[in-house]
Amino acid sequence: MDISISIELTTRSIPSGISRMKAALILFLAVTPISASCSAEDTGIGKSYQVPYRLTDTNHFLVRLRINGKGPFNFLVDTGAPAFFISTETAKKSGLIPAKDSFWTRVGRVDFEGGAQLLGIRARIEDPFQLVGMNALGLPGASIDGLIGYTVLARFRIELDPTKDRMTWTRLDFNPVDPPIPHRPEAGGGPPELEAMNALGPLAKGLAFLMGKQAEEQLHPRGFLGLEWSEIKESSSTSATIRIDRVLNGSPADKAGIQEGDRIVRIGGKEVTGRSAALAALANTHAGEALNMTIRRGRGAQAKDISLTITAGEGL
């Protein structure tokens, strides 16, 4: 059995800063499973998650996650990285202690913004020169805490459209094997070429001292509702409606009584005429804020409008 993982990029209304060639790229990673069955701990096989992402100033795709309940942390989606890399500082903040007798360190739980979760995966705790250099100069516009590479990405089918603000991650019934451990010619040392590349990190720190570090953007955590929706075009109207596709169990939306299939009519007293209007109405929602919402349940003569209040939770 072969499993294909695809990252799909489209060219519709590409934001500035993304080249058309890059946006048109479709990358297929074909892998043949080796001991491919997932552990009994994996409960999300086949589920799809809407994972929010941010495009950094360096055109990297950044997502947020928690490690063993600590965070959130900013990680780059890096299809060129062979594994899951966690910086030493991030490891300290999340309570991870690097394994002394193994190249890899076991991570009990990783929660991605959007609901995806992985249990019992292995990571490499170190400071890759890419992260040291970018963070020293402040190039991405955000502090980068690690890299999400093949051993994590291969567990999902990832659909990425740069015209949207979320990726779709669908959990696969596949656990990739770890990449080969680099040969270390002597205790505490590494391959000469790797040591040479890692030397670029301190060099970037020196440049940052001379040139100054680019200011990091100030971000405020968004309020969490626990909804996934899609825009539905009405044939008889130029406007669109927002249909609720999924309500996360135990989320503020679930507690407020919102159900799958409901359609959003108003948010905070503002009419919702499509995806842009919904995003604008929710843009400044913070944790703990009470949000008035009107939803329409049922179709045709059976449809009825319901007013309810959602108290936003704390997002990543």
Foldseek 3Di string as FASTA:
>chain_A
DKDKAKEAADQPPFDPPADSVNRHDIDIDIDDADPWADDPVDDQAQDKFWFFWDQFLNRFTWWWKAFQNDDTAIATADAPDQAWEFEQVRCVRNVFDADPVDQWGWTAKMATFRGDIDGGDIYGYHQQLVLLLCQLQVNRLARHGIYHYDQRSVQWRWYDYNVDRTIMTHGHRTGDDHDDDFDAPDPPGGDPVRVVRNVNSVVSNVVCVVPPHDHHDDDDFFFAAQWDWDWADDPVDPFIWIFTQDGDPPGLNVVFPDDGGKIWQDKQNHGDRTDVSVCVSRVPHAAQDKIWTWIWDDDDPPIDIDITIGHTHTGD
